[in-house]
Amino acid sequence: GIPQSDPGSLQPVSTIDPRVIQVYRQVGLYLRNYRCGKIPKPFKIIPSLRNWEEMLYYTQPELWSPQAVYAATKLFSANLNPLHAQRFYNLVLLPHILEDIETNKKCNFHLYQALCRSLFKPVAFFKGIILPVAQVGCRALPSTILASALARRSIPVIHAAVALLKLSQIPYNGTQMLFIKTLVNKKYC
Protein backbone atom coordinates (compact mmCIF):
# COMPACT_ATOMS: atom_id res chain seq x y z
CA GLY A 1 0.00 0.00 0.00
CA ILE A 2 0.83 3.68 0.03
CA PRO A 3 3.38 4.55 2.74
CA GLN A 4 1.56 6.77 5.16
CA SER A 5 2.41 8.03 8.54
CA ASP A 6 1.51 5.33 11.01
CA PRO A 7 -2.21 5.68 11.81
CA GLY A 8 -1.40 4.17 15.19
CA SER A 9 0.55 7.32 15.91
CA LEU A 10 -2.80 9.10 16.00
CA GLN A 11 -3.82 6.93 18.96
CA PRO A 12 -4.05 9.37 21.83
CA VAL A 13 -2.59 9.00 25.26
CA SER A 14 -5.08 11.36 26.76
CA THR A 15 -5.07 13.72 29.70
CA ILE A 16 -8.04 15.53 28.20
CA ASP A 17 -11.33 15.99 30.00
CA PRO A 18 -13.74 13.20 28.94
CA ARG A 19 -16.40 15.84 28.20
CA VAL A 20 -14.12 17.41 25.58
CA ILE A 21 -13.53 13.99 24.04
CA GLN A 22 -17.29 13.45 23.95
CA VAL A 23 -17.79 16.80 22.16
CA TYR A 24 -15.30 15.81 19.45
CA ARG A 25 -16.91 12.40 19.06
CA GLN A 26 -20.24 14.19 18.53
CA VAL A 27 -18.57 16.44 15.95
CA GLY A 28 -17.36 13.27 14.21
CA LEU A 29 -20.92 11.92 14.11
CA TYR A 30 -22.05 15.21 12.57
CA LEU A 31 -19.27 15.10 9.96
CA ARG A 32 -20.26 11.56 9.00
CA ASN A 33 -23.53 12.92 7.57
CA TYR A 34 -22.36 16.45 6.68
CA ARG A 35 -23.47 17.74 3.29
CA CYS A 36 -23.35 21.54 3.44
CA GLY A 37 -23.65 24.39 5.87
CA LYS A 38 -21.67 25.48 8.85
CA ILE A 39 -18.90 23.40 10.34
CA PRO A 40 -19.18 23.04 14.15
CA LYS A 41 -17.12 25.55 16.16
CA PRO A 42 -15.15 22.88 18.05
CA PHE A 43 -13.95 21.55 14.70
CA LYS A 44 -12.92 25.00 13.47
CA ILE A 45 -10.52 25.45 16.38
CA ILE A 46 -8.68 22.16 15.82
CA PRO A 47 -5.91 23.72 13.65
CA SER A 48 -5.05 26.16 16.43
CA LEU A 49 -4.66 23.45 19.08
CA ARG A 50 -1.28 22.06 20.06
CA ASN A 51 -2.74 18.54 20.18
CA TRP A 52 -4.69 18.96 16.93
CA GLU A 53 -3.97 15.39 15.76
CA GLU A 54 -5.44 13.90 18.90
CA MET A 55 -8.60 15.98 18.59
CA LEU A 56 -8.84 15.06 14.93
CA TYR A 57 -8.55 11.39 15.92
CA TYR A 58 -11.61 11.71 18.17
CA THR A 59 -13.71 12.89 15.21
CA GLN A 60 -13.00 9.60 13.37
CA PRO A 61 -11.93 11.13 10.03
CA GLU A 62 -12.08 7.78 8.23
CA LEU A 63 -15.89 7.95 8.51
CA TRP A 64 -16.41 11.52 7.27
CA SER A 65 -18.52 12.27 4.22
CA PRO A 66 -16.71 13.56 1.10
CA GLN A 67 -18.21 17.01 1.72
CA ALA A 68 -16.78 17.00 5.24
CA VAL A 69 -13.35 16.03 3.89
CA TYR A 70 -13.51 18.99 1.51
CA ALA A 71 -14.56 21.39 4.28
CA ALA A 72 -11.79 20.05 6.53
CA THR A 73 -9.20 20.35 3.75
CA LYS A 74 -10.17 23.99 3.21
CA LEU A 75 -9.86 24.64 6.93
CA PHE A 76 -6.58 22.79 7.44
CA SER A 77 -4.87 24.00 4.26
CA ALA A 78 -5.58 27.58 5.31
CA ASN A 79 -4.66 27.28 8.98
CA LEU A 80 -1.91 24.67 9.40
CA ASN A 81 1.77 25.06 8.67
CA PRO A 82 3.07 22.93 5.75
CA LEU A 83 4.40 20.16 8.00
CA HIS A 84 1.09 19.68 9.78
CA ALA A 85 -0.87 20.07 6.54
CA GLN A 86 1.30 17.32 5.02
CA ARG A 87 0.37 15.04 7.90
CA PHE A 88 -3.34 15.85 7.44
CA TYR A 89 -3.14 15.18 3.69
CA ASN A 90 -1.33 11.90 4.25
CA LEU A 91 -3.52 10.57 7.07
CA VAL A 92 -6.95 11.86 6.05
CA LEU A 93 -7.20 13.17 2.49
CA LEU A 94 -5.12 10.59 0.59
CA PRO A 95 -6.80 7.50 2.15
CA HIS A 96 -10.26 8.98 1.42
CA ILE A 97 -9.36 9.65 -2.22
CA LEU A 98 -7.77 6.24 -2.81
CA GLU A 99 -10.61 4.38 -1.09
CA ASP A 100 -13.23 6.30 -3.08
CA ILE A 101 -11.48 5.56 -6.38
CA GLU A 102 -11.09 1.89 -5.43
CA THR A 103 -14.76 1.60 -4.48
CA ASN A 104 -16.45 3.69 -7.18
CA LYS A 105 -13.87 3.58 -10.01
CA LYS A 106 -13.97 7.39 -10.04
CA CYS A 107 -13.24 10.23 -7.66
CA ASN A 108 -16.09 11.98 -5.88
CA PHE A 109 -16.40 15.63 -6.95
CA HIS A 110 -15.90 16.93 -3.40
CA LEU A 111 -12.82 14.79 -2.85
CA TYR A 112 -11.38 16.04 -6.14
CA GLN A 113 -12.09 19.62 -5.02
CA ALA A 114 -10.30 18.82 -1.75
CA LEU A 115 -7.36 17.45 -3.73
CA CYS A 116 -7.18 20.65 -5.79
CA ARG A 117 -7.53 22.74 -2.64
CA SER A 118 -4.63 20.89 -1.04
CA LEU A 119 -2.37 22.41 -3.71
CA PHE A 120 -2.55 25.71 -1.82
CA LYS A 121 0.26 24.25 0.28
CA PRO A 122 2.48 22.81 -2.50
CA VAL A 123 5.19 21.46 -0.19
CA ALA A 124 2.63 19.57 1.88
CA PHE A 125 0.85 18.39 -1.27
CA PHE A 126 3.99 16.90 -2.79
CA LYS A 127 5.31 15.37 0.43
CA GLY A 128 1.95 14.16 1.72
CA ILE A 129 0.28 12.95 -1.47
CA ILE A 130 2.39 12.82 -4.65
CA LEU A 131 5.70 11.44 -3.34
CA PRO A 132 4.17 8.66 -1.19
CA VAL A 133 2.02 7.50 -4.13
CA ALA A 134 4.96 7.71 -6.55
CA GLN A 135 7.22 5.70 -4.23
CA VAL A 136 5.04 2.62 -4.30
CA GLY A 137 3.21 3.21 -7.56
CA CYS A 138 -0.48 2.54 -7.89
CA ARG A 139 -3.01 1.60 -10.52
CA ALA A 140 -3.54 3.80 -13.55
CA LEU A 141 -6.81 5.41 -12.46
CA PRO A 142 -5.72 6.88 -9.10
CA SER A 143 -2.44 8.12 -10.52
CA THR A 144 -4.24 9.67 -13.51
CA ILE A 145 -6.68 11.48 -11.22
CA LEU A 146 -3.86 12.79 -9.02
CA ALA A 147 -1.93 13.88 -12.12
CA SER A 148 -4.98 15.70 -13.48
CA ALA A 149 -5.17 17.79 -10.31
CA LEU A 150 -1.47 18.56 -10.77
CA ALA A 151 -2.07 19.60 -14.37
CA ARG A 152 -5.08 21.81 -13.63
CA ARG A 153 -3.64 23.93 -10.86
CA SER A 154 -0.87 26.48 -10.90
CA ILE A 155 2.23 25.41 -8.98
CA PRO A 156 5.15 27.74 -8.20
CA VAL A 157 8.22 26.92 -10.30
CA ILE A 158 10.49 26.29 -7.32
CA HIS A 159 8.10 23.68 -5.86
CA ALA A 160 7.69 21.98 -9.23
CA ALA A 161 11.49 21.85 -9.65
CA VAL A 162 12.01 20.28 -6.23
CA ALA A 163 9.20 17.80 -6.90
CA LEU A 164 10.80 16.83 -10.22
CA LEU A 165 14.11 16.29 -8.46
CA LYS A 166 12.53 14.12 -5.75
CA LEU A 167 10.49 12.16 -8.31
CA SER A 168 13.59 11.50 -10.40
CA GLN A 169 15.30 9.93 -7.37
CA ILE A 170 12.56 7.32 -6.95
CA PRO A 171 13.07 3.95 -8.70
CA TYR A 172 11.20 3.81 -12.01
CA ASN A 173 7.49 3.05 -12.06
CA GLY A 174 4.56 4.18 -14.19
CA THR A 175 3.05 6.45 -11.55
CA GLN A 176 6.31 8.28 -11.04
CA MET A 177 6.70 8.81 -14.79
CA LEU A 178 3.14 10.11 -15.11
CA PHE A 179 3.80 12.72 -12.41
CA ILE A 180 7.11 13.71 -14.03
CA LYS A 181 5.42 14.00 -17.44
CA THR A 182 2.63 16.13 -15.96
CA LEU A 183 5.09 18.53 -14.33
CA VAL A 184 7.28 18.76 -17.45
CA ASN A 185 4.21 19.47 -19.61
CA LYS A 186 3.44 22.55 -17.50
CA LYS A 187 6.18 24.27 -19.56
CA TYR A 188 7.68 26.57 -16.97
CA CYS A 189 10.50 27.73 -19.30
C-alpha atoms as a PDB file:
ATOM      1  CA  GLY A   1       0.000   0.000   0.000  1.00  0.00           C
ATOM      2  CA  ILE A   2       0.831   3.680   0.033  1.00  0.00           C
ATOM      3  CA  PRO A   3       3.377   4.550   2.737  1.00  0.00           C
ATOM      4  CA  GLN A   4       1.556   6.768   5.161  1.00  0.00           C
ATOM      5  CA  SER A   5       2.408   8.026   8.543  1.00  0.00           C
ATOM      6  CA  ASP A   6       1.513   5.331  11.015  1.00  0.00           C
ATOM      7  CA  PRO A   7      -2.214   5.685  11.815  1.00  0.00           C
ATOM      8  CA  GLY A   8      -1.398   4.167  15.189  1.00  0.00           C
ATOM      9  CA  SER A   9       0.550   7.320  15.906  1.00  0.00           C
ATOM     10  CA  LEU A  10      -2.802   9.100  16.001  1.00  0.00           C
ATOM     11  CA  GLN A  11      -3.816   6.926  18.959  1.00  0.00           C
ATOM     12  CA  PRO A  12      -4.054   9.365  21.827  1.00  0.00           C
ATOM     13  CA  VAL A  13      -2.587   9.005  25.264  1.00  0.00           C
ATOM     14  CA  SER A  14      -5.076  11.362  26.764  1.00  0.00           C
ATOM     15  CA  THR A  15      -5.072  13.718  29.701  1.00  0.00           C
ATOM     16  CA  ILE A  16      -8.039  15.535  28.203  1.00  0.00           C
ATOM     17  CA  ASP A  17     -11.330  15.988  30.002  1.00  0.00           C
ATOM     18  CA  PRO A  18     -13.741  13.198  28.936  1.00  0.00           C
ATOM     19  CA  ARG A  19     -16.401  15.842  28.199  1.00  0.00           C
ATOM     20  CA  VAL A  20     -14.123  17.411  25.576  1.00  0.00           C
ATOM     21  CA  ILE A  21     -13.527  13.990  24.044  1.00  0.00           C
ATOM     22  CA  GLN A  22     -17.293  13.447  23.947  1.00  0.00           C
ATOM     23  CA  VAL A  23     -17.786  16.797  22.162  1.00  0.00           C
ATOM     24  CA  TYR A  24     -15.302  15.812  19.450  1.00  0.00           C
ATOM     25  CA  ARG A  25     -16.908  12.403  19.064  1.00  0.00           C
ATOM     26  CA  GLN A  26     -20.242  14.190  18.528  1.00  0.00           C
ATOM     27  CA  VAL A  27     -18.570  16.442  15.945  1.00  0.00           C
ATOM     28  CA  GLY A  28     -17.365  13.270  14.213  1.00  0.00           C
ATOM     29  CA  LEU A  29     -20.923  11.918  14.113  1.00  0.00           C
ATOM     30  CA  TYR A  30     -22.048  15.209  12.574  1.00  0.00           C
ATOM     31  CA  LEU A  31     -19.267  15.099   9.957  1.00  0.00           C
ATOM     32  CA  ARG A  32     -20.258  11.564   9.005  1.00  0.00           C
ATOM     33  CA  ASN A  33     -23.525  12.923   7.570  1.00  0.00           C
ATOM     34  CA  TYR A  34     -22.359  16.446   6.685  1.00  0.00           C
ATOM     35  CA  ARG A  35     -23.469  17.741   3.293  1.00  0.00           C
ATOM     36  CA  CYS A  36     -23.353  21.542   3.435  1.00  0.00           C
ATOM     37  CA  GLY A  37     -23.655  24.389   5.875  1.00  0.00           C
ATOM     38  CA  LYS A  38     -21.670  25.485   8.855  1.00  0.00           C
ATOM     39  CA  ILE A  39     -18.904  23.402  10.344  1.00  0.00           C
ATOM     40  CA  PRO A  40     -19.182  23.038  14.151  1.00  0.00           C
ATOM     41  CA  LYS A  41     -17.121  25.552  16.161  1.00  0.00           C
ATOM     42  CA  PRO A  42     -15.148  22.880  18.052  1.00  0.00           C
ATOM     43  CA  PHE A  43     -13.946  21.551  14.700  1.00  0.00           C
ATOM     44  CA  LYS A  44     -12.919  25.000  13.467  1.00  0.00           C
ATOM     45  CA  ILE A  45     -10.521  25.453  16.382  1.00  0.00           C
ATOM     46  CA  ILE A  46      -8.676  22.156  15.821  1.00  0.00           C
ATOM     47  CA  PRO A  47      -5.910  23.719  13.648  1.00  0.00           C
ATOM     48  CA  SER A  48      -5.049  26.164  16.427  1.00  0.00           C
ATOM     49  CA  LEU A  49      -4.660  23.450  19.081  1.00  0.00           C
ATOM     50  CA  ARG A  50      -1.278  22.062  20.064  1.00  0.00           C
ATOM     51  CA  ASN A  51      -2.744  18.543  20.178  1.00  0.00           C
ATOM     52  CA  TRP A  52      -4.691  18.956  16.926  1.00  0.00           C
ATOM     53  CA  GLU A  53      -3.975  15.391  15.764  1.00  0.00           C
ATOM     54  CA  GLU A  54      -5.436  13.902  18.905  1.00  0.00           C
ATOM     55  CA  MET A  55      -8.601  15.981  18.592  1.00  0.00           C
ATOM     56  CA  LEU A  56      -8.835  15.057  14.928  1.00  0.00           C
ATOM     57  CA  TYR A  57      -8.551  11.391  15.916  1.00  0.00           C
ATOM     58  CA  TYR A  58     -11.613  11.714  18.168  1.00  0.00           C
ATOM     59  CA  THR A  59     -13.715  12.885  15.209  1.00  0.00           C
ATOM     60  CA  GLN A  60     -12.999   9.595  13.370  1.00  0.00           C
ATOM     61  CA  PRO A  61     -11.928  11.126  10.032  1.00  0.00           C
ATOM     62  CA  GLU A  62     -12.079   7.775   8.233  1.00  0.00           C
ATOM     63  CA  LEU A  63     -15.895   7.945   8.510  1.00  0.00           C
ATOM     64  CA  TRP A  64     -16.414  11.524   7.272  1.00  0.00           C
ATOM     65  CA  SER A  65     -18.522  12.270   4.216  1.00  0.00           C
ATOM     66  CA  PRO A  66     -16.710  13.562   1.098  1.00  0.00           C
ATOM     67  CA  GLN A  67     -18.210  17.006   1.719  1.00  0.00           C
ATOM     68  CA  ALA A  68     -16.783  16.995   5.243  1.00  0.00           C
ATOM     69  CA  VAL A  69     -13.348  16.028   3.888  1.00  0.00           C
ATOM     70  CA  TYR A  70     -13.510  18.992   1.508  1.00  0.00           C
ATOM     71  CA  ALA A  71     -14.560  21.392   4.277  1.00  0.00           C
ATOM     72  CA  ALA A  72     -11.795  20.045   6.528  1.00  0.00           C
ATOM     73  CA  THR A  73      -9.204  20.351   3.751  1.00  0.00           C
ATOM     74  CA  LYS A  74     -10.172  23.994   3.210  1.00  0.00           C
ATOM     75  CA  LEU A  75      -9.861  24.645   6.931  1.00  0.00           C
ATOM     76  CA  PHE A  76      -6.585  22.789   7.442  1.00  0.00           C
ATOM     77  CA  SER A  77      -4.873  24.002   4.263  1.00  0.00           C
ATOM     78  CA  ALA A  78      -5.576  27.581   5.307  1.00  0.00           C
ATOM     79  CA  ASN A  79      -4.656  27.284   8.983  1.00  0.00           C
ATOM     80  CA  LEU A  80      -1.914  24.675   9.401  1.00  0.00           C
ATOM     81  CA  ASN A  81       1.770  25.059   8.667  1.00  0.00           C
ATOM     82  CA  PRO A  82       3.067  22.933   5.747  1.00  0.00           C
ATOM     83  CA  LEU A  83       4.401  20.156   7.999  1.00  0.00           C
ATOM     84  CA  HIS A  84       1.086  19.677   9.782  1.00  0.00           C
ATOM     85  CA  ALA A  85      -0.866  20.069   6.538  1.00  0.00           C
ATOM     86  CA  GLN A  86       1.296  17.324   5.023  1.00  0.00           C
ATOM     87  CA  ARG A  87       0.365  15.044   7.897  1.00  0.00           C
ATOM     88  CA  PHE A  88      -3.337  15.845   7.439  1.00  0.00           C
ATOM     89  CA  TYR A  89      -3.141  15.185   3.693  1.00  0.00           C
ATOM     90  CA  ASN A  90      -1.330  11.898   4.247  1.00  0.00           C
ATOM     91  CA  LEU A  91      -3.515  10.575   7.073  1.00  0.00           C
ATOM     92  CA  VAL A  92      -6.948  11.863   6.054  1.00  0.00           C
ATOM     93  CA  LEU A  93      -7.197  13.169   2.492  1.00  0.00           C
ATOM     94  CA  LEU A  94      -5.124  10.587   0.593  1.00  0.00           C
ATOM     95  CA  PRO A  95      -6.802   7.502   2.151  1.00  0.00           C
ATOM     96  CA  HIS A  96     -10.258   8.976   1.417  1.00  0.00           C
ATOM     97  CA  ILE A  97      -9.362   9.646  -2.217  1.00  0.00           C
ATOM     98  CA  LEU A  98      -7.768   6.237  -2.814  1.00  0.00           C
ATOM     99  CA  GLU A  99     -10.608   4.384  -1.094  1.00  0.00           C
ATOM    100  CA  ASP A 100     -13.228   6.296  -3.080  1.00  0.00           C
ATOM    101  CA  ILE A 101     -11.478   5.560  -6.378  1.00  0.00           C
ATOM    102  CA  GLU A 102     -11.089   1.891  -5.427  1.00  0.00           C
ATOM    103  CA  THR A 103     -14.762   1.603  -4.475  1.00  0.00           C
ATOM    104  CA  ASN A 104     -16.447   3.694  -7.178  1.00  0.00           C
ATOM    105  CA  LYS A 105     -13.866   3.577 -10.006  1.00  0.00           C
ATOM    106  CA  LYS A 106     -13.973   7.390 -10.042  1.00  0.00           C
ATOM    107  CA  CYS A 107     -13.238  10.234  -7.655  1.00  0.00           C
ATOM    108  CA  ASN A 108     -16.087  11.978  -5.879  1.00  0.00           C
ATOM    109  CA  PHE A 109     -16.401  15.626  -6.946  1.00  0.00           C
ATOM    110  CA  HIS A 110     -15.903  16.928  -3.395  1.00  0.00           C
ATOM    111  CA  LEU A 111     -12.817  14.788  -2.852  1.00  0.00           C
ATOM    112  CA  TYR A 112     -11.383  16.039  -6.144  1.00  0.00           C
ATOM    113  CA  GLN A 113     -12.093  19.616  -5.020  1.00  0.00           C
ATOM    114  CA  ALA A 114     -10.302  18.823  -1.753  1.00  0.00           C
ATOM    115  CA  LEU A 115      -7.359  17.452  -3.728  1.00  0.00           C
ATOM    116  CA  CYS A 116      -7.183  20.648  -5.788  1.00  0.00           C
ATOM    117  CA  ARG A 117      -7.530  22.742  -2.639  1.00  0.00           C
ATOM    118  CA  SER A 118      -4.629  20.890  -1.036  1.00  0.00           C
ATOM    119  CA  LEU A 119      -2.373  22.405  -3.710  1.00  0.00           C
ATOM    120  CA  PHE A 120      -2.553  25.714  -1.819  1.00  0.00           C
ATOM    121  CA  LYS A 121       0.259  24.246   0.280  1.00  0.00           C
ATOM    122  CA  PRO A 122       2.481  22.806  -2.499  1.00  0.00           C
ATOM    123  CA  VAL A 123       5.195  21.460  -0.186  1.00  0.00           C
ATOM    124  CA  ALA A 124       2.630  19.572   1.882  1.00  0.00           C
ATOM    125  CA  PHE A 125       0.853  18.385  -1.270  1.00  0.00           C
ATOM    126  CA  PHE A 126       3.985  16.896  -2.793  1.00  0.00           C
ATOM    127  CA  LYS A 127       5.314  15.373   0.434  1.00  0.00           C
ATOM    128  CA  GLY A 128       1.948  14.161   1.719  1.00  0.00           C
ATOM    129  CA  ILE A 129       0.279  12.955  -1.475  1.00  0.00           C
ATOM    130  CA  ILE A 130       2.390  12.825  -4.648  1.00  0.00           C
ATOM    131  CA  LEU A 131       5.699  11.442  -3.341  1.00  0.00           C
ATOM    132  CA  PRO A 132       4.165   8.656  -1.191  1.00  0.00           C
ATOM    133  CA  VAL A 133       2.025   7.504  -4.126  1.00  0.00           C
ATOM    134  CA  ALA A 134       4.963   7.710  -6.553  1.00  0.00           C
ATOM    135  CA  GLN A 135       7.224   5.700  -4.231  1.00  0.00           C
ATOM    136  CA  VAL A 136       5.036   2.619  -4.299  1.00  0.00           C
ATOM    137  CA  GLY A 137       3.211   3.206  -7.557  1.00  0.00           C
ATOM    138  CA  CYS A 138      -0.480   2.538  -7.893  1.00  0.00           C
ATOM    139  CA  ARG A 139      -3.008   1.604 -10.520  1.00  0.00           C
ATOM    140  CA  ALA A 140      -3.538   3.803 -13.553  1.00  0.00           C
ATOM    141  CA  LEU A 141      -6.811   5.407 -12.461  1.00  0.00           C
ATOM    142  CA  PRO A 142      -5.723   6.877  -9.097  1.00  0.00           C
ATOM    143  CA  SER A 143      -2.440   8.121 -10.521  1.00  0.00           C
ATOM    144  CA  THR A 144      -4.238   9.675 -13.511  1.00  0.00           C
ATOM    145  CA  ILE A 145      -6.676  11.483 -11.219  1.00  0.00           C
ATOM    146  CA  LEU A 146      -3.855  12.791  -9.020  1.00  0.00           C
ATOM    147  CA  ALA A 147      -1.927  13.884 -12.120  1.00  0.00           C
ATOM    148  CA  SER A 148      -4.985  15.698 -13.484  1.00  0.00           C
ATOM    149  CA  ALA A 149      -5.165  17.790 -10.310  1.00  0.00           C
ATOM    150  CA  LEU A 150      -1.465  18.565 -10.765  1.00  0.00           C
ATOM    151  CA  ALA A 151      -2.073  19.600 -14.372  1.00  0.00           C
ATOM    152  CA  ARG A 152      -5.079  21.809 -13.633  1.00  0.00           C
ATOM    153  CA  ARG A 153      -3.637  23.932 -10.858  1.00  0.00           C
ATOM    154  CA  SER A 154      -0.873  26.476 -10.903  1.00  0.00           C
ATOM    155  CA  ILE A 155       2.228  25.415  -8.977  1.00  0.00           C
ATOM    156  CA  PRO A 156       5.147  27.743  -8.196  1.00  0.00           C
ATOM    157  CA  VAL A 157       8.220  26.918 -10.298  1.00  0.00           C
ATOM    158  CA  ILE A 158      10.488  26.286  -7.319  1.00  0.00           C
ATOM    159  CA  HIS A 159       8.101  23.682  -5.865  1.00  0.00           C
ATOM    160  CA  ALA A 160       7.694  21.976  -9.230  1.00  0.00           C
ATOM    161  CA  ALA A 161      11.488  21.853  -9.655  1.00  0.00           C
ATOM    162  CA  VAL A 162      12.010  20.284  -6.228  1.00  0.00           C
ATOM    163  CA  ALA A 163       9.198  17.797  -6.903  1.00  0.00           C
ATOM    164  CA  LEU A 164      10.803  16.828 -10.219  1.00  0.00           C
ATOM    165  CA  LEU A 165      14.114  16.288  -8.455  1.00  0.00           C
ATOM    166  CA  LYS A 166      12.526  14.116  -5.750  1.00  0.00           C
ATOM    167  CA  LEU A 167      10.491  12.165  -8.305  1.00  0.00           C
ATOM    168  CA  SER A 168      13.589  11.498 -10.402  1.00  0.00           C
ATOM    169  CA  GLN A 169      15.301   9.927  -7.366  1.00  0.00           C
ATOM    170  CA  ILE A 170      12.557   7.318  -6.954  1.00  0.00           C
ATOM    171  CA  PRO A 171      13.067   3.948  -8.702  1.00  0.00           C
ATOM    172  CA  TYR A 172      11.203   3.811 -12.010  1.00  0.00           C
ATOM    173  CA  ASN A 173       7.488   3.045 -12.055  1.00  0.00           C
ATOM    174  CA  GLY A 174       4.559   4.181 -14.186  1.00  0.00           C
ATOM    175  CA  THR A 175       3.049   6.449 -11.551  1.00  0.00           C
ATOM    176  CA  GLN A 176       6.314   8.278 -11.037  1.00  0.00           C
ATOM    177  CA  MET A 177       6.702   8.809 -14.787  1.00  0.00           C
ATOM    178  CA  LEU A 178       3.141  10.109 -15.106  1.00  0.00           C
ATOM    179  CA  PHE A 179       3.803  12.720 -12.406  1.00  0.00           C
ATOM    180  CA  ILE A 180       7.111  13.713 -14.030  1.00  0.00           C
ATOM    181  CA  LYS A 181       5.421  14.003 -17.441  1.00  0.00           C
ATOM    182  CA  THR A 182       2.628  16.127 -15.957  1.00  0.00           C
ATOM    183  CA  LEU A 183       5.086  18.526 -14.329  1.00  0.00           C
ATOM    184  CA  VAL A 184       7.276  18.763 -17.448  1.00  0.00           C
ATOM    185  CA  ASN A 185       4.208  19.473 -19.611  1.00  0.00           C
ATOM    186  CA  LYS A 186       3.437  22.546 -17.502  1.00  0.00           C
ATOM    187  CA  LYS A 187       6.184  24.270 -19.562  1.00  0.00           C
ATOM    188  CA  TYR A 188       7.680  26.574 -16.969  1.00  0.00           C
ATOM    189  CA  CYS A 189      10.496  27.726 -19.296  1.00  0.00           C
END
